[in-house]
Amino acid sequence: MSSLESHQEQLSQSDPSPSPNSCSSFELLDMDPGSLYEPVSPHWFYCKILDSKETWIPFNSEDSQQLEEAYGSGKDCNGRIVPTDGGRYDVHLGERMRYAVYWDELASEVRRCTWFYKGDKDNKYVPYSESFSQVLEETYKLAVTLDEWKKKLESPNREIIILHNPKLMVHYQPVAGSDEWGSTPAEQGRPRTVKRGAENISVEIHCVNDFRSVSLNLLQTHFKKAQENQQIGRVEFLPVNWHSPLHSTGVDVDLQRITLPSINRLRHFTNDTILDVFFYNSPTYCQTIVDTVASEMNRIYTLFLQRNPDFKGGVSIAGHSLGSLILFDILTNQEDALGDIDSEKSSLNIAMDQGDKPTLEEELKKLQLAEFLNVFEKEKVDKEALALCTDRDLQEMGIPLGPRKKILNYFRTRKNLVGIGRPTTQSASGVNIPKESELCSNVDHTSNDPYLNVGIGQVSVKYPRLIYRPEIFFAFGSPIGMFLTVRGLKRIDPSYKFPTCKGFFNIYHPFDPVAYRIEPMIVPEVEFEPMLIPHHKGRKRMHLELREGLSRMSMDLKNNLLGSLRMAWKSFTRAPYPALQASETAEETEAEPESSSEKSSDVNTEETSVAVKEEDPPINVGMLNGGQRIDYVLQEKPIESFNEYLFALQSHLCYWESEDTVLLVLKEIYQTQGIFLDQPLQ
């Protein structure tokens, strides 16, 4: 017997099985002690860094099965790529790494998991490495086959795992500063549970309550029939990232030098978000923003079609806050004639094909700067990235002053030529004013024209062309109405509609400080409320119904009180003479019905007005949303109604987790395909 085996035997003898009183420190696993050995079923996990801590998240069952089939196919895993998460992430099987497809994100480790132990603080299961899990499985198989337990193993991290029996397997962490002989398991703190297999491990290890997961849940509850009949597929949500490229221009460093040190968090929030509004109104950055947004929208769409060649659905777009204004301006400046969309889909090269365009190498040769090609390739800078580079960026890459000026001047000139927009006229103030705007169609262009141009007040930019026609444009918490107003637009022509987009929904929370309405700009002469978005479970929220009920009750009480006061006043002023009692009685008899009728009239006035209001014909708000209503307001939650100011900032970010918002989006998207809710919401 070797010294190591002897040492392990001594540890085993000095560590009797835990007493029943110690079972609170770990859980007993339901296993039959005399069962025959069966191989463990693996499940695939990936690792995410959340709050500076590693968290292992299981793939869904379908993805895990695909990964396992690819792993067990007998083919070489190196170079094998398996799409997961609906095609949003690719797993490189040989590398055991997971990469985002449509956006930039740190790659995450992937693991084929069979054995787990309970974590230290969060009490969640953590998978062992694949190699050590294999050692555990072989030891377990030997113990089951020979029915010999109390097996003890030491992990590469000097952690002790003891397999007492099929129901009791524990994990001890090493104690820092132990002597060279080690320490007994009893001295190594509280034991943790060891688990074999991923059964009963909750898939919701990490709950991401975002738009995508909310929509998948709502499909099960509100579109179940259409799903069962295979009439619809899921709606995919792909983010368009324009914020990072804007803030990678070096302006953040410049701003930091002039930012005051007080209220640091608020100033950081201002620099990181609110400042984008000023960027968008700056001639220096506005063109960069619209170019980046449109380019990303086209790139993602093209990449999606390449990965999903059988896709035949439509595309809708959504913008939040300033993003909605950017989309509004881009859609307003699209061309009417986009040609045959189906042929554009199949060719996949409109506005994106680089085959007929000069490469970066060719353009550098034109500028006689071909010697710097290796520098750009080393930094992974292509033409698009080079167009976004500032003088400081080029300087940091080691490009001399002369070539820097050539490159910056070339791309500045190229930006003015790229992009398909309407013919524009430059005003004396440098404002970009389209010659013909649908916003003022069928209206004489006079100095007193109430339908002013949407381009008023904008900096002069060239709007790129989208390679598809969006079905619907959803604006969340949008300042579009405010920006159009301060640009000088007094009214939107009711006949105006986006050249290439059929639908437009302006969705907002009632306490959102950034949100503004659109409909009063189309129908300013009529006061009317926005459309109330139904609760996803039907009816109004209880506190709103209670509030309306109390309002009606107070109106009834007021009317009844007024009637009672009239009766009391008449009794006080009644003549006290007995000779007049008979006539007074008759007069009172006549007066009471009159009073009663007055009361009835007063009480029914509100009900009648409500009934009339409900039966009023629908308000015509123009063609911006195909004749449908445009402004839609969410119902605030009960806790939010206590203090509007306290939840103001939070309400601006609520849309991505709002079931009511997601359901409205799904409802409108599926209606374009003739699919409706299982049960209409009220």
Foldseek 3Di string as FASTA:
>chain_A
DDPVVVLVVVLLVVDDDDDPVQCVLEDWDDDDQQDADDDFDWFKWKWDQDPNDTDIATFPPVQRVVLVCLVPVPDDLQVDWDQGPVNQWIQSNVVQWIAGDQDDDDIIGMATFFKWWADDPPRATDGDHPVVVVVVRVVVNVCNVVVPAQDWDADPQRKIWTGHTPGFIWIFHFDPPDDPSGDHSVPRDRIIGMDGYCPPRDNVSDDDLFLQVLQVVLCVVWVVVCVVVVVDDGDDDDDQDQLVLLVVQCVVVVVVVVDDPPPPVVVVVCVRPVCVVVLCQDPVRVQVRLVSRQVSLLVSLLVVCVVVVPDDAAAAAEAAAVRLLSVVVLLQFADLDLDDLVVLSVVSCVVNPCPPPDWPCVVCVVVVNNVCPVLCVVVVATPVNLLSHDLVNCVVSVDDDVVSVSSPVVSVVVQVVAADGADWDQDPVQFTFHPDGLQQPPHDDDPPDLADGQRQSGHDGHRHYHSAQHAEYEYELYQNVVSSVVSPRQAGALAGARSRYQAAAYEYAPLAPSHDDRLCRQVVPDDDDAAEQAASVFDHPPVVVVVVVVVLVVQLVVLVVVLVVVVVVCVVPDDPDPVCVVVVVVVVVVVVVVSVVVSVCSSCVVVVVVVCVVVDPDDQRHRHGDRDGHYYYYHDDPVCVVDSVVCHVVRSVCQRSGSSNSVVVVQVSVVVVVRHIPDDHD
